[in-house]
Amino acid sequence: MSPRSPLARLDDMLEAVEKILRYTAGMTSDQLQADAKTLDAVIMNFSVLGEAASAVPDGIQSRWPDIPWRVITDMRNVITHQYFKVSPEILWETIQTQAPPLAEQLRDLVRTLEGESP
């Protein structure tokens, strides 16, 4: 099996953040905490987001320093290795304040790289 391209990894990231936003649209923090299935889906997609980010080459990451690559991968590590310490409040704050601009940044990045592809 051949390794996935950087563009495919960025698509994975974008899909994960869009799912997080879609799954939580119209919810409150309390509703998310009370909805175990949605909370689990959100946590899983944060993990996917971080795993995909960790596979994006440094050259691409350095061209887009406004994307918080390290924060994304660090969050994935906490979710994966310390699942029971994941704070729903921090997840909610991240969804509300960081996910929307990240989705837009990733859309711009994907469009740019698609335009550069031969």
N, C-alpha and C. Protein backbone atom coordinates (compact mmCIF):
# COMPACT_ATOMS: atom_id res chain seq x y z
N MET A 1 0.85 -1.17 0.00
CA MET A 1 0.00 0.00 0.00
C MET A 1 0.90 1.24 0.00
N SER A 2 0.65 2.14 -0.91
CA SER A 2 1.47 3.34 -1.00
C SER A 2 1.06 4.36 0.05
N PRO A 3 2.02 5.17 0.49
CA PRO A 3 1.69 6.18 1.49
C PRO A 3 0.72 7.22 0.92
N ARG A 4 -0.08 7.77 1.79
CA ARG A 4 -1.06 8.77 1.36
C ARG A 4 -0.36 10.09 1.12
N SER A 5 -0.84 10.82 0.15
CA SER A 5 -0.23 12.10 -0.21
C SER A 5 -0.52 13.16 0.85
N PRO A 6 0.30 14.20 0.89
CA PRO A 6 0.02 15.31 1.80
C PRO A 6 -1.37 15.91 1.57
N LEU A 7 -1.78 16.01 0.32
CA LEU A 7 -3.10 16.56 0.02
C LEU A 7 -4.20 15.67 0.60
N ALA A 8 -4.01 14.35 0.53
CA ALA A 8 -4.99 13.43 1.12
C ALA A 8 -5.05 13.61 2.63
N ARG A 9 -3.91 13.82 3.26
CA ARG A 9 -3.88 14.05 4.72
C ARG A 9 -4.60 15.35 5.08
N LEU A 10 -4.40 16.38 4.27
CA LEU A 10 -5.09 17.65 4.51
C LEU A 10 -6.59 17.50 4.30
N ASP A 11 -6.97 16.70 3.31
CA ASP A 11 -8.40 16.41 3.12
C ASP A 11 -8.96 15.68 4.34
N ASP A 12 -8.18 14.75 4.90
CA ASP A 12 -8.60 14.06 6.13
C ASP A 12 -8.83 15.05 7.26
N MET A 13 -7.90 15.99 7.39
CA MET A 13 -8.02 17.01 8.44
C MET A 13 -9.27 17.84 8.24
N LEU A 14 -9.49 18.29 7.01
CA LEU A 14 -10.65 19.12 6.72
C LEU A 14 -11.94 18.35 6.97
N GLU A 15 -11.99 17.11 6.53
CA GLU A 15 -13.19 16.30 6.76
C GLU A 15 -13.46 16.14 8.26
N ALA A 16 -12.42 15.91 9.04
CA ALA A 16 -12.59 15.71 10.48
C ALA A 16 -13.12 16.97 11.15
N VAL A 17 -12.55 18.13 10.83
CA VAL A 17 -13.00 19.36 11.47
C VAL A 17 -14.41 19.72 11.00
N GLU A 18 -14.73 19.45 9.74
CA GLU A 18 -16.09 19.71 9.27
C GLU A 18 -17.10 18.79 9.96
N LYS A 19 -16.74 17.55 10.20
CA LYS A 19 -17.62 16.64 10.94
C LYS A 19 -17.84 17.16 12.36
N ILE A 20 -16.78 17.58 13.01
CA ILE A 20 -16.90 18.12 14.37
C ILE A 20 -17.90 19.28 14.39
N LEU A 21 -17.75 20.18 13.45
CA LEU A 21 -18.66 21.34 13.39
C LEU A 21 -20.09 20.92 13.07
N ARG A 22 -20.24 19.99 12.15
CA ARG A 22 -21.58 19.52 11.77
C ARG A 22 -22.25 18.78 12.93
N TYR A 23 -21.51 17.91 13.60
CA TYR A 23 -22.08 17.13 14.69
C TYR A 23 -22.52 18.00 15.86
N THR A 24 -21.85 19.12 16.06
CA THR A 24 -22.15 19.96 17.23
C THR A 24 -22.98 21.20 16.89
N ALA A 25 -23.33 21.35 15.64
CA ALA A 25 -24.12 22.53 15.24
C ALA A 25 -25.43 22.57 16.02
N GLY A 26 -25.73 23.72 16.58
CA GLY A 26 -26.97 23.91 17.31
C GLY A 26 -26.97 23.36 18.73
N MET A 27 -25.87 22.79 19.15
CA MET A 27 -25.78 22.23 20.50
C MET A 27 -25.20 23.25 21.47
N THR A 28 -25.46 23.03 22.73
CA THR A 28 -24.78 23.75 23.80
C THR A 28 -23.72 22.83 24.39
N SER A 29 -22.86 23.38 25.21
CA SER A 29 -21.85 22.58 25.88
C SER A 29 -22.50 21.48 26.72
N ASP A 30 -23.55 21.82 27.44
CA ASP A 30 -24.24 20.83 28.27
C ASP A 30 -24.85 19.72 27.42
N GLN A 31 -25.41 20.08 26.28
CA GLN A 31 -26.00 19.07 25.40
C GLN A 31 -24.92 18.13 24.86
N LEU A 32 -23.77 18.68 24.50
CA LEU A 32 -22.69 17.82 24.02
C LEU A 32 -22.25 16.86 25.12
N GLN A 33 -22.08 17.36 26.32
CA GLN A 33 -21.64 16.49 27.43
C GLN A 33 -22.66 15.41 27.74
N ALA A 34 -23.95 15.70 27.53
CA ALA A 34 -25.00 14.73 27.83
C ALA A 34 -25.21 13.72 26.70
N ASP A 35 -24.68 14.00 25.52
CA ASP A 35 -24.88 13.14 24.35
C ASP A 35 -23.61 12.32 24.11
N ALA A 36 -23.57 11.15 24.72
CA ALA A 36 -22.35 10.33 24.68
C ALA A 36 -21.93 9.97 23.26
N LYS A 37 -22.88 9.68 22.39
CA LYS A 37 -22.52 9.30 21.02
C LYS A 37 -21.87 10.46 20.28
N THR A 38 -22.45 11.64 20.40
CA THR A 38 -21.86 12.80 19.72
C THR A 38 -20.52 13.14 20.33
N LEU A 39 -20.42 13.10 21.65
CA LEU A 39 -19.15 13.38 22.31
C LEU A 39 -18.07 12.40 21.84
N ASP A 40 -18.41 11.12 21.77
CA ASP A 40 -17.45 10.13 21.29
C ASP A 40 -17.05 10.40 19.84
N ALA A 41 -18.02 10.77 19.00
CA ALA A 41 -17.72 11.06 17.59
C ALA A 41 -16.82 12.28 17.47
N VAL A 42 -17.06 13.28 18.28
CA VAL A 42 -16.23 14.49 18.27
C VAL A 42 -14.81 14.15 18.71
N ILE A 43 -14.69 13.40 19.79
CA ILE A 43 -13.37 13.01 20.27
C ILE A 43 -12.63 12.20 19.21
N MET A 44 -13.33 11.27 18.57
CA MET A 44 -12.70 10.47 17.51
C MET A 44 -12.21 11.36 16.38
N ASN A 45 -12.99 12.35 15.99
CA ASN A 45 -12.58 13.22 14.90
C ASN A 45 -11.45 14.16 15.29
N PHE A 46 -11.38 14.56 16.55
CA PHE A 46 -10.20 15.30 17.00
C PHE A 46 -8.96 14.41 16.90
N SER A 47 -9.10 13.14 17.20
CA SER A 47 -7.99 12.21 17.08
C SER A 47 -7.56 12.05 15.62
N VAL A 48 -8.53 11.89 14.72
CA VAL A 48 -8.25 11.80 13.28
C VAL A 48 -7.55 13.07 12.81
N LEU A 49 -8.05 14.21 13.25
CA LEU A 49 -7.47 15.50 12.87
C LEU A 49 -5.99 15.55 13.26
N GLY A 50 -5.69 15.17 14.48
CA GLY A 50 -4.31 15.20 14.95
C GLY A 50 -3.42 14.17 14.28
N GLU A 51 -3.96 12.99 14.04
CA GLU A 51 -3.17 11.95 13.37
C GLU A 51 -2.83 12.39 11.95
N ALA A 52 -3.79 12.95 11.24
CA ALA A 52 -3.53 13.42 9.88
C ALA A 52 -2.54 14.59 9.89
N ALA A 53 -2.68 15.49 10.86
CA ALA A 53 -1.77 16.64 10.95
C ALA A 53 -0.34 16.18 11.17
N SER A 54 -0.17 15.13 11.95
CA SER A 54 1.19 14.65 12.23
C SER A 54 1.86 14.07 10.99
N ALA A 55 1.08 13.73 9.98
CA ALA A 55 1.62 13.15 8.75
C ALA A 55 1.82 14.19 7.64
N VAL A 56 1.45 15.44 7.90
CA VAL A 56 1.68 16.50 6.92
C VAL A 56 3.15 16.89 6.98
N PRO A 57 3.84 16.89 5.84
CA PRO A 57 5.28 17.18 5.85
C PRO A 57 5.61 18.55 6.44
N ASP A 58 6.79 18.62 7.05
CA ASP A 58 7.25 19.87 7.66
C ASP A 58 7.28 21.03 6.66
N GLY A 59 7.60 20.73 5.41
CA GLY A 59 7.65 21.79 4.40
C GLY A 59 6.31 22.47 4.20
N ILE A 60 5.25 21.70 4.25
CA ILE A 60 3.91 22.29 4.13
C ILE A 60 3.57 23.02 5.42
N GLN A 61 3.87 22.40 6.56
CA GLN A 61 3.56 23.04 7.83
C GLN A 61 4.27 24.39 7.95
N SER A 62 5.50 24.47 7.50
CA SER A 62 6.24 25.73 7.63
C SER A 62 5.71 26.81 6.70
N ARG A 63 5.09 26.41 5.61
CA ARG A 63 4.49 27.40 4.69
C ARG A 63 3.19 27.98 5.26
N TRP A 64 2.55 27.28 6.18
CA TRP A 64 1.31 27.74 6.80
C TRP A 64 1.47 27.75 8.32
N PRO A 65 2.28 28.67 8.82
CA PRO A 65 2.56 28.70 10.26
C PRO A 65 1.37 29.15 11.11
N ASP A 66 0.35 29.74 10.48
CA ASP A 66 -0.82 30.17 11.25
C ASP A 66 -1.70 29.00 11.66
N ILE A 67 -1.53 27.86 11.02
CA ILE A 67 -2.27 26.66 11.43
C ILE A 67 -1.54 26.09 12.65
N PRO A 68 -2.25 25.85 13.73
CA PRO A 68 -1.59 25.40 14.97
C PRO A 68 -1.26 23.90 14.94
N TRP A 69 -0.33 23.53 14.08
CA TRP A 69 0.01 22.13 13.86
C TRP A 69 0.33 21.41 15.17
N ARG A 70 1.18 22.01 15.97
CA ARG A 70 1.63 21.37 17.22
C ARG A 70 0.47 21.21 18.20
N VAL A 71 -0.36 22.21 18.31
CA VAL A 71 -1.52 22.14 19.21
C VAL A 71 -2.44 21.00 18.78
N ILE A 72 -2.64 20.88 17.47
CA ILE A 72 -3.52 19.83 16.94
C ILE A 72 -2.96 18.45 17.27
N THR A 73 -1.68 18.25 17.04
CA THR A 73 -1.10 16.93 17.32
C THR A 73 -1.01 16.67 18.82
N ASP A 74 -0.74 17.70 19.60
CA ASP A 74 -0.72 17.52 21.06
C ASP A 74 -2.09 17.12 21.58
N MET A 75 -3.15 17.72 21.04
CA MET A 75 -4.50 17.38 21.48
C MET A 75 -4.80 15.92 21.15
N ARG A 76 -4.37 15.49 19.99
CA ARG A 76 -4.56 14.09 19.60
C ARG A 76 -3.85 13.17 20.59
N ASN A 77 -2.65 13.54 21.00
CA ASN A 77 -1.90 12.71 21.95
C ASN A 77 -2.61 12.61 23.29
N VAL A 78 -3.16 13.70 23.76
CA VAL A 78 -3.91 13.67 25.02
C VAL A 78 -5.13 12.77 24.88
N ILE A 79 -5.86 12.95 23.77
CA ILE A 79 -7.07 12.15 23.55
C ILE A 79 -6.72 10.66 23.49
N THR A 80 -5.67 10.34 22.78
CA THR A 80 -5.31 8.94 22.57
C THR A 80 -4.74 8.28 23.82
N HIS A 81 -3.90 9.00 24.54
CA HIS A 81 -3.19 8.39 25.65
C HIS A 81 -3.79 8.67 27.02
N GLN A 82 -4.63 9.67 27.10
CA GLN A 82 -5.23 10.03 28.39
C GLN A 82 -6.72 10.30 28.21
N TYR A 83 -7.38 9.39 27.51
CA TYR A 83 -8.78 9.57 27.12
C TYR A 83 -9.66 10.02 28.29
N PHE A 84 -9.47 9.44 29.45
CA PHE A 84 -10.35 9.75 30.57
C PHE A 84 -10.05 11.11 31.20
N LYS A 85 -8.98 11.75 30.75
CA LYS A 85 -8.66 13.08 31.25
C LYS A 85 -9.10 14.17 30.28
N VAL A 86 -9.76 13.80 29.19
CA VAL A 86 -10.21 14.79 28.21
C VAL A 86 -11.33 15.61 28.84
N SER A 87 -11.16 16.91 28.80
CA SER A 87 -12.14 17.82 29.39
C SER A 87 -13.17 18.22 28.35
N PRO A 88 -14.45 17.87 28.58
CA PRO A 88 -15.48 18.31 27.64
C PRO A 88 -15.55 19.83 27.50
N GLU A 89 -15.21 20.54 28.57
CA GLU A 89 -15.23 22.00 28.51
C GLU A 89 -14.16 22.52 27.55
N ILE A 90 -12.98 21.92 27.60
CA ILE A 90 -11.91 22.33 26.68
C ILE A 90 -12.27 21.95 25.25
N LEU A 91 -12.85 20.76 25.07
CA LEU A 91 -13.31 20.38 23.73
C LEU A 91 -14.31 21.41 23.20
N TRP A 92 -15.28 21.77 24.04
CA TRP A 92 -16.31 22.72 23.62
C TRP A 92 -15.69 24.07 23.25
N GLU A 93 -14.80 24.55 24.07
CA GLU A 93 -14.14 25.83 23.80
C GLU A 93 -13.36 25.75 22.48
N THR A 94 -12.70 24.64 22.26
CA THR A 94 -11.94 24.45 21.02
C THR A 94 -12.88 24.42 19.82
N ILE A 95 -13.99 23.73 19.94
CA ILE A 95 -14.96 23.66 18.85
C ILE A 95 -15.48 25.06 18.53
N GLN A 96 -15.80 25.82 19.55
CA GLN A 96 -16.40 27.13 19.34
C GLN A 96 -15.41 28.17 18.82
N THR A 97 -14.17 28.12 19.29
CA THR A 97 -13.23 29.20 18.96
C THR A 97 -12.18 28.83 17.93
N GLN A 98 -11.77 27.57 17.89
CA GLN A 98 -10.67 27.19 17.01
C GLN A 98 -11.10 26.43 15.76
N ALA A 99 -12.15 25.63 15.86
CA ALA A 99 -12.53 24.79 14.72
C ALA A 99 -12.99 25.59 13.50
N PRO A 100 -13.84 26.62 13.66
CA PRO A 100 -14.27 27.35 12.45
C PRO A 100 -13.11 28.00 11.68
N PRO A 101 -12.20 28.72 12.35
CA PRO A 101 -11.10 29.28 11.57
C PRO A 101 -10.16 28.21 11.01
N LEU A 102 -10.00 27.11 11.73
CA LEU A 102 -9.15 26.03 11.22
C LEU A 102 -9.75 25.45 9.94
N ALA A 103 -11.05 25.26 9.93
CA ALA A 103 -11.70 24.74 8.72
C ALA A 103 -11.44 25.66 7.54
N GLU A 104 -11.55 26.95 7.75
CA GLU A 104 -11.31 27.91 6.66
C GLU A 104 -9.85 27.89 6.23
N GLN A 105 -8.94 27.83 7.18
CA GLN A 105 -7.51 27.75 6.83
C GLN A 105 -7.21 26.49 6.02
N LEU A 106 -7.80 25.38 6.41
CA LEU A 106 -7.56 24.13 5.69
C LEU A 106 -8.17 24.18 4.29
N ARG A 107 -9.34 24.78 4.16
CA ARG A 107 -9.93 24.93 2.82
C ARG A 107 -9.01 25.74 1.92
N ASP A 108 -8.49 26.85 2.44
CA ASP A 108 -7.57 27.68 1.67
C ASP A 108 -6.31 26.91 1.30
N LEU A 109 -5.77 26.18 2.24
CA LEU A 109 -4.55 25.41 2.01
C LEU A 109 -4.78 24.34 0.94
N VAL A 110 -5.88 23.61 1.05
CA VAL A 110 -6.19 22.58 0.06
C VAL A 110 -6.35 23.20 -1.32
N ARG A 111 -7.08 24.31 -1.42
CA ARG A 111 -7.25 24.98 -2.72
C ARG A 111 -5.90 25.40 -3.29
N THR A 112 -5.05 25.95 -2.45
CA THR A 112 -3.73 26.39 -2.90
C THR A 112 -2.92 25.21 -3.43
N LEU A 113 -2.87 24.13 -2.67
CA LEU A 113 -2.08 22.98 -3.10
C LEU A 113 -2.67 22.31 -4.33
N GLU A 114 -3.99 22.29 -4.43
CA GLU A 114 -4.61 21.74 -5.65
C GLU A 114 -4.23 22.57 -6.86
N GLY A 115 -4.13 23.89 -6.67
CA GLY A 115 -3.73 24.77 -7.76
C GLY A 115 -2.28 24.60 -8.16
N GLU A 116 -1.45 24.12 -7.24
CA GLU A 116 -0.03 23.90 -7.52
C GLU A 116 0.24 22.54 -8.13
N SER A 117 -0.73 21.63 -8.03
CA SER A 117 -0.52 20.27 -8.54
C SER A 117 -0.46 20.28 -10.06
N PRO A 118 0.46 19.47 -10.61
CA PRO A 118 0.56 19.41 -12.08
C PRO A 118 -0.62 18.70 -12.71
